[in-house]
Amino acid sequence: MMSGLDGRTADEALAAGVPPREVWEAVCDATGQDDTARWLHREDLRKVRRPRRG
């Protein structure tokens, strides 16, 4: 349960119609994540992946 979601879990908040962005913000706040984690979904993964070896 998270205070930013009126005491609901993330699953409960999503099921109740809370927008996913608000749920993600509450999860990040509750777990002390920095901006890197908060905006990870906006990263271009092709740029951050390591090249394969071999």
C-alpha atoms as a PDB file:
ATOM      1  CA  MET A   1       0.000   0.000   0.000  1.00  0.00           C
ATOM      2  CA  MET A   2       1.217   3.481  -0.818  1.00  0.00           C
ATOM      3  CA  SER A   3       0.176   6.800   0.616  1.00  0.00           C
ATOM      4  CA  GLY A   4       0.148   8.445  -2.820  1.00  0.00           C
ATOM      5  CA  LEU A   5      -2.493   5.966  -3.923  1.00  0.00           C
ATOM      6  CA  ASP A   6      -4.874   6.448  -0.989  1.00  0.00           C
ATOM      7  CA  GLY A   7      -3.509   3.355   0.729  1.00  0.00           C
ATOM      8  CA  ARG A   8      -4.000   1.067  -2.270  1.00  0.00           C
ATOM      9  CA  THR A   9      -1.445  -1.181  -3.891  1.00  0.00           C
ATOM     10  CA  ALA A  10      -0.359  -0.399  -7.438  1.00  0.00           C
ATOM     11  CA  ASP A  11      -2.564  -3.228  -8.753  1.00  0.00           C
ATOM     12  CA  GLU A  12      -5.566  -1.979  -6.804  1.00  0.00           C
ATOM     13  CA  ALA A  13      -5.037   1.588  -8.002  1.00  0.00           C
ATOM     14  CA  LEU A  14      -4.790   0.506 -11.637  1.00  0.00           C
ATOM     15  CA  ALA A  15      -7.916  -1.647 -11.282  1.00  0.00           C
ATOM     16  CA  ALA A  16      -9.722   1.369  -9.793  1.00  0.00           C
ATOM     17  CA  GLY A  17      -8.880   3.448 -12.856  1.00  0.00           C
ATOM     18  CA  VAL A  18      -5.942   5.504 -11.581  1.00  0.00           C
ATOM     19  CA  PRO A  19      -3.850   6.497 -14.618  1.00  0.00           C
ATOM     20  CA  PRO A  20      -0.679   4.387 -14.986  1.00  0.00           C
ATOM     21  CA  ARG A  21       1.541   7.471 -14.907  1.00  0.00           C
ATOM     22  CA  GLU A  22       0.166   8.447 -11.476  1.00  0.00           C
ATOM     23  CA  VAL A  23       0.706   4.909 -10.212  1.00  0.00           C
ATOM     24  CA  TRP A  24       4.294   4.894 -11.528  1.00  0.00           C
ATOM     25  CA  GLU A  25       4.994   8.255  -9.865  1.00  0.00           C
ATOM     26  CA  ALA A  26       3.664   6.919  -6.551  1.00  0.00           C
ATOM     27  CA  VAL A  27       5.786   3.766  -6.856  1.00  0.00           C
ATOM     28  CA  CYS A  28       8.896   5.856  -7.575  1.00  0.00           C
ATOM     29  CA  ASP A  29       8.146   8.155  -4.634  1.00  0.00           C
ATOM     30  CA  ALA A  30       7.501   5.261  -2.250  1.00  0.00           C
ATOM     31  CA  THR A  31      10.703   3.457  -3.210  1.00  0.00           C
ATOM     32  CA  GLY A  32      12.939   6.525  -3.353  1.00  0.00           C
ATOM     33  CA  GLN A  33      13.803   6.193  -7.021  1.00  0.00           C
ATOM     34  CA  ASP A  34      15.715   8.942  -8.782  1.00  0.00           C
ATOM     35  CA  ASP A  35      14.860  10.549 -12.119  1.00  0.00           C
ATOM     36  CA  THR A  36      16.758   7.851 -14.025  1.00  0.00           C
ATOM     37  CA  ALA A  37      14.313   5.182 -12.873  1.00  0.00           C
ATOM     38  CA  ARG A  38      11.352   7.534 -13.076  1.00  0.00           C
ATOM     39  CA  TRP A  39      11.927   8.193 -16.780  1.00  0.00           C
ATOM     40  CA  LEU A  40      13.419   4.822 -17.810  1.00  0.00           C
ATOM     41  CA  HIS A  41      10.460   4.084 -20.074  1.00  0.00           C
ATOM     42  CA  ARG A  42      11.459   7.043 -22.252  1.00  0.00           C
ATOM     43  CA  GLU A  43      15.031   5.853 -22.897  1.00  0.00           C
ATOM     44  CA  ASP A  44      15.979   4.650 -26.362  1.00  0.00           C
ATOM     45  CA  LEU A  45      17.107   1.157 -25.434  1.00  0.00           C
ATOM     46  CA  ARG A  46      19.078   0.800 -28.657  1.00  0.00           C
ATOM     47  CA  LYS A  47      21.423   3.450 -27.305  1.00  0.00           C
ATOM     48  CA  VAL A  48      21.885   1.940 -23.845  1.00  0.00           C
ATOM     49  CA  ARG A  49      22.256  -1.743 -24.738  1.00  0.00           C
ATOM     50  CA  ARG A  50      25.710  -3.222 -24.776  1.00  0.00           C
ATOM     51  CA  PRO A  51      26.916  -4.778 -28.019  1.00  0.00           C
ATOM     52  CA  ARG A  52      26.865  -8.559 -28.104  1.00  0.00           C
ATOM     53  CA  ARG A  53      30.130 -10.404 -27.785  1.00  0.00           C
ATOM     54  CA  GLY A  54      31.278 -13.126 -30.064  1.00  0.00           C
END
